[in-house]
Amino acid sequence: MRVLVVEDEEFLAEMIAEGLRRDAIAADIAHDGREALGKLRLSAYDVVVLDRDLPGLHGDEVCRHVVQQQLLTRVLMLTASGTVHDRVDGLGMGADDYLTKPFAYEELLARVLALGRRARPALPPVIERAGVTVDTARRLAVRDGRPLALSRKEFGVLEVLLRAQGAVVSGDDLIEEVWEEHTSYRTNAVRVTLSKLRAKLGDPPVIETVPGVGYRMGHGPGAESGPRTGDGQRPVDAR
């Protein structure tokens, strides 16, 4: 999941973003409405955590942009005003949810995760393939009954591969889904993370490399015969 935090209070914006990153969610930050529009034009976000009372371009205008452009992005609006009129007004202009300041981070996280599920094709919160299970709600990963101690990036990569349901996911797509902005595939971030993830998943390997294309979750032990690539994974015919 990829989230844009739009908040002019820098400390609060950093606190929210760092919390999301600890929970394996890629989070970018914008401090005003115009910066938010620029980021929305460049990247696809699942959720925007949007402060309503932004300087310059108001948060309402950012919300209207998301609605008018028919973006799949879900909007969680933040405001210091919690009156019924304000909540109805915010939801009426297209916000998907509303949270009043001050708030508990745990509640914000729960709302972001719920909106993220609505931004994507419906899938169960528990995903399984080839003996690997990810519980996205509780942020738990297991292989054949063995708990996996994954970093937030490793968890994010594993979740994206499982959600693809056997389809190939490119390195650029993994960067877009899991890493923050300004990260390039040329940094080797994906390859290093995949190497560590494969080691933690153990044998037999279940993450396949499609040379020149990307990666995918295999079907398990039955798909592991045949030659391997240089990184120990069986190559997949990309034709």
Protein backbone atom coordinates (compact mmCIF):
# COMPACT_ATOMS: atom_id res chain seq x y z
CA MET A 1 0.00 0.00 0.00
CA ARG A 2 1.15 3.54 -0.78
CA VAL A 3 -0.11 6.53 1.22
CA LEU A 4 0.30 10.29 0.79
CA VAL A 5 0.24 12.25 4.06
CA VAL A 6 -0.81 15.88 3.41
CA GLU A 7 -0.28 17.89 6.59
CA ASP A 8 1.23 21.35 7.10
CA GLU A 9 2.34 20.61 10.69
CA GLU A 10 5.70 19.05 9.90
CA PHE A 11 6.09 17.19 13.19
CA LEU A 12 2.64 15.58 12.86
CA ALA A 13 3.25 14.71 9.21
CA GLU A 14 6.54 12.99 10.05
CA MET A 15 4.97 11.17 13.00
CA ILE A 16 2.17 9.77 10.84
CA ALA A 17 4.50 8.82 7.98
CA GLU A 18 7.06 7.12 10.23
CA GLY A 19 4.29 5.17 11.95
CA LEU A 20 2.93 3.96 8.61
CA ARG A 21 6.42 2.98 7.44
CA ARG A 22 6.92 0.93 10.61
CA ASP A 23 3.74 -0.90 9.64
CA ALA A 24 5.10 -1.78 6.17
CA ILE A 25 3.21 0.99 4.34
CA ALA A 26 5.06 3.25 1.91
CA ALA A 27 4.34 6.83 2.95
CA ASP A 28 5.18 10.13 1.22
CA ILE A 29 4.60 13.62 2.63
CA ALA A 30 3.26 16.90 1.24
CA HIS A 31 3.03 20.02 3.39
CA ASP A 32 0.54 22.01 1.31
CA GLY A 33 -2.22 21.49 -1.21
CA ARG A 34 -0.25 22.38 -4.34
CA GLU A 35 2.56 19.99 -3.42
CA ALA A 36 -0.07 17.30 -2.84
CA LEU A 37 -1.57 17.81 -6.31
CA GLY A 38 1.89 17.50 -7.86
CA LYS A 39 2.53 14.20 -6.11
CA LEU A 40 -0.93 12.88 -7.01
CA ARG A 41 -0.20 13.58 -10.68
CA LEU A 42 3.13 11.71 -10.53
CA SER A 43 2.28 8.68 -8.39
CA ALA A 44 -0.64 6.35 -7.76
CA TYR A 45 -1.64 6.38 -4.09
CA ASP A 46 -4.07 4.00 -2.41
CA VAL A 47 -4.94 6.47 0.35
CA VAL A 48 -4.45 10.18 1.01
CA VAL A 49 -4.41 11.25 4.65
CA LEU A 50 -5.53 14.82 4.05
CA ASP A 51 -5.52 17.71 6.51
CA ARG A 52 -8.53 19.81 5.62
CA ASP A 53 -7.17 23.18 6.79
CA LEU A 54 -4.11 23.49 4.56
CA PRO A 55 -2.42 26.82 3.80
CA GLY A 56 -2.62 28.10 0.24
CA LEU A 57 -4.67 25.51 -1.63
CA HIS A 58 -7.28 24.21 0.83
CA GLY A 59 -7.65 20.51 1.55
CA ASP A 60 -11.18 20.64 0.12
CA GLU A 61 -9.69 21.50 -3.30
CA VAL A 62 -7.32 18.54 -3.09
CA CYS A 63 -10.26 16.27 -2.29
CA ARG A 64 -12.25 17.68 -5.22
CA HIS A 65 -9.27 17.01 -7.52
CA VAL A 66 -9.23 13.32 -6.48
CA VAL A 67 -12.97 13.06 -7.18
CA GLN A 68 -12.95 15.02 -10.46
CA GLN A 69 -10.00 13.05 -11.86
CA GLN A 70 -11.76 9.81 -10.85
CA LEU A 71 -8.65 8.58 -9.08
CA LEU A 72 -8.86 5.25 -7.27
CA THR A 73 -7.25 6.99 -4.28
CA ARG A 74 -9.30 6.96 -1.08
CA VAL A 75 -9.36 10.10 1.06
CA LEU A 76 -9.12 10.12 4.86
CA MET A 77 -9.77 13.72 5.89
CA LEU A 78 -8.23 15.12 9.08
CA THR A 79 -9.57 18.21 10.83
CA ALA A 80 -9.52 19.92 14.19
CA SER A 81 -13.27 20.53 13.88
CA GLY A 82 -15.44 17.55 14.73
CA THR A 83 -18.93 19.01 14.37
CA VAL A 84 -21.58 16.99 12.58
CA HIS A 85 -21.87 19.73 9.94
CA ASP A 86 -18.13 19.56 9.16
CA ARG A 87 -18.15 15.78 8.92
CA VAL A 88 -21.18 15.78 6.62
CA ASP A 89 -19.63 18.57 4.52
CA GLY A 90 -16.33 16.70 4.13
CA LEU A 91 -17.97 13.41 3.25
CA GLY A 92 -20.34 15.19 0.89
CA MET A 93 -17.50 16.56 -1.24
CA GLY A 94 -16.06 13.07 -1.75
CA ALA A 95 -13.94 12.15 1.28
CA ASP A 96 -14.20 8.47 2.15
CA ASP A 97 -13.61 8.83 5.88
CA TYR A 98 -13.18 11.54 8.49
CA LEU A 99 -10.96 11.68 11.59
CA THR A 100 -10.92 14.48 14.14
CA LYS A 101 -7.72 15.81 15.72
CA PRO A 102 -6.35 14.83 18.16
CA PHE A 103 -6.53 11.14 17.28
CA ALA A 104 -4.90 7.88 18.30
CA TYR A 105 -2.40 6.55 15.76
CA GLU A 106 -3.89 3.05 16.09
CA GLU A 107 -7.26 4.36 14.91
CA LEU A 108 -5.70 6.21 11.99
CA LEU A 109 -3.83 3.04 10.96
CA ALA A 110 -7.01 0.95 11.12
CA ARG A 111 -8.86 3.45 8.95
CA VAL A 112 -6.00 3.66 6.43
CA LEU A 113 -5.87 -0.14 6.14
CA ALA A 114 -9.65 -0.33 5.69
CA LEU A 115 -9.59 2.36 2.97
CA GLY A 116 -6.62 0.65 1.29
CA ARG A 117 -8.62 -2.54 0.96
CA ARG A 118 -11.40 -0.56 -0.73
CA ALA A 119 -8.94 1.05 -3.16
CA ARG A 120 -7.91 -2.37 -4.53
CA PRO A 121 -9.79 -5.35 -5.96
CA ALA A 122 -11.43 -7.17 -3.08
CA LEU A 123 -9.15 -9.78 -1.53
CA PRO A 124 -9.40 -11.49 1.85
CA PRO A 125 -7.25 -10.07 4.67
CA VAL A 126 -5.42 -13.42 4.84
CA ILE A 127 -3.61 -14.35 1.60
CA GLU A 128 -1.99 -17.76 0.97
CA ARG A 129 0.06 -19.30 -1.82
CA ALA A 130 2.62 -22.10 -1.93
CA GLY A 131 2.44 -22.62 1.83
CA VAL A 132 3.14 -18.93 2.56
CA THR A 133 0.43 -17.05 4.46
CA VAL A 134 0.19 -13.32 5.13
CA ASP A 135 -2.33 -11.82 7.51
CA THR A 136 -2.48 -8.21 6.32
CA ALA A 137 -4.66 -7.01 9.20
CA ARG A 138 -2.36 -8.34 11.94
CA ARG A 139 0.83 -7.88 9.87
CA LEU A 140 1.87 -11.51 10.33
CA ALA A 141 3.64 -13.84 7.86
CA VAL A 142 3.98 -17.62 8.14
CA ARG A 143 5.45 -20.38 5.98
CA ASP A 144 4.23 -23.93 6.58
CA GLY A 145 3.32 -23.01 10.14
CA ARG A 146 6.66 -21.29 10.82
CA PRO A 147 6.41 -17.58 11.78
CA LEU A 148 8.59 -15.29 9.68
CA ALA A 149 10.41 -12.34 11.28
CA LEU A 150 10.27 -9.91 8.36
CA SER A 151 11.31 -6.29 8.09
CA ARG A 152 8.62 -3.88 6.93
CA LYS A 153 10.03 -3.83 3.38
CA GLU A 154 10.27 -7.63 3.24
CA PHE A 155 6.68 -7.89 4.45
CA GLY A 156 5.58 -5.32 1.88
CA VAL A 157 7.29 -7.14 -1.00
CA LEU A 158 5.84 -10.48 0.09
CA GLU A 159 2.34 -8.99 0.33
CA VAL A 160 2.57 -7.45 -3.16
CA LEU A 161 3.76 -10.76 -4.67
CA LEU A 162 1.00 -12.72 -2.95
CA ARG A 163 -1.67 -10.23 -4.00
CA ALA A 164 -0.53 -10.63 -7.62
CA GLN A 165 -1.77 -14.25 -7.41
CA GLY A 166 1.00 -15.68 -9.56
CA ALA A 167 1.25 -12.77 -11.99
CA VAL A 168 4.67 -11.23 -12.65
CA VAL A 169 5.49 -8.05 -10.70
CA SER A 170 8.26 -5.84 -12.08
CA GLY A 171 10.97 -4.26 -9.95
CA ASP A 172 9.56 -0.81 -10.76
CA ASP A 173 6.11 -1.93 -9.59
CA LEU A 174 7.60 -3.15 -6.31
CA ILE A 175 9.33 0.21 -5.87
CA GLU A 176 6.03 1.98 -6.53
CA GLU A 177 4.11 -0.19 -4.07
CA VAL A 178 6.56 -0.62 -1.19
CA TRP A 179 9.17 2.16 -1.18
CA GLU A 180 8.88 5.87 -0.58
CA GLU A 181 9.30 8.42 -3.37
CA HIS A 182 12.71 9.13 -4.95
CA THR A 183 13.70 5.45 -4.70
CA SER A 184 15.04 4.01 -7.95
CA TYR A 185 15.25 0.38 -9.03
CA ARG A 186 18.89 1.11 -9.82
CA THR A 187 19.60 1.42 -6.08
CA ASN A 188 19.43 -2.40 -5.73
CA ALA A 189 16.88 -1.93 -2.94
CA VAL A 190 14.51 -4.50 -4.45
CA ARG A 191 17.20 -7.09 -5.15
CA VAL A 192 18.70 -6.78 -1.66
CA THR A 193 15.29 -7.04 -0.01
CA LEU A 194 14.31 -10.01 -2.15
CA SER A 195 17.56 -11.78 -1.30
CA LYS A 196 16.90 -11.39 2.44
CA LEU A 197 13.24 -12.37 2.02
CA ARG A 198 14.16 -15.53 0.12
CA ALA A 199 16.63 -16.49 2.83
CA LYS A 200 13.96 -16.10 5.51
CA LEU A 201 11.39 -18.04 3.49
CA GLY A 202 13.88 -20.90 3.19
CA ASP A 203 13.76 -23.94 0.92
CA PRO A 204 12.27 -24.93 -1.39
CA PRO A 205 12.28 -21.49 -3.09
CA VAL A 206 8.88 -20.03 -3.90
CA ILE A 207 9.78 -16.61 -5.34
CA GLU A 208 10.63 -17.04 -9.01
CA THR A 209 12.67 -14.64 -11.13
CA VAL A 210 11.37 -13.87 -14.62
CA PRO A 211 14.55 -12.70 -16.40
CA GLY A 212 14.24 -9.16 -17.70
CA VAL A 213 10.66 -8.84 -16.45
CA GLY A 214 10.32 -9.21 -12.68
CA TYR A 215 9.29 -11.67 -9.97
CA ARG A 216 6.35 -13.84 -9.01
CA MET A 217 5.22 -16.31 -6.39
CA GLY A 218 5.46 -19.86 -7.72
CA HIS A 219 3.14 -22.76 -6.91
CA GLY A 220 5.49 -24.40 -4.43
CA PRO A 221 7.76 -27.49 -4.52
CA GLY A 222 6.25 -28.87 -7.70
CA ALA A 223 7.43 -25.83 -9.68
CA GLU A 224 11.00 -25.94 -8.47
CA SER A 225 12.54 -28.48 -10.83
CA GLY A 226 14.72 -27.41 -13.71
CA PRO A 227 17.68 -25.05 -14.07
CA ARG A 228 18.18 -22.05 -11.79
CA THR A 229 19.27 -18.49 -12.47
CA GLY A 230 22.40 -17.01 -10.96
CA ASP A 231 20.50 -15.95 -7.82
CA GLY A 232 19.36 -19.50 -7.13
CA GLN A 233 15.89 -19.16 -8.59
CA ARG A 234 14.40 -21.18 -11.42
CA PRO A 235 14.08 -18.99 -14.56
CA VAL A 236 10.60 -18.57 -15.98
CA ASP A 237 9.85 -18.43 -19.69
CA ALA A 238 8.59 -14.89 -20.24
CA ARG A 239 7.08 -15.61 -23.63
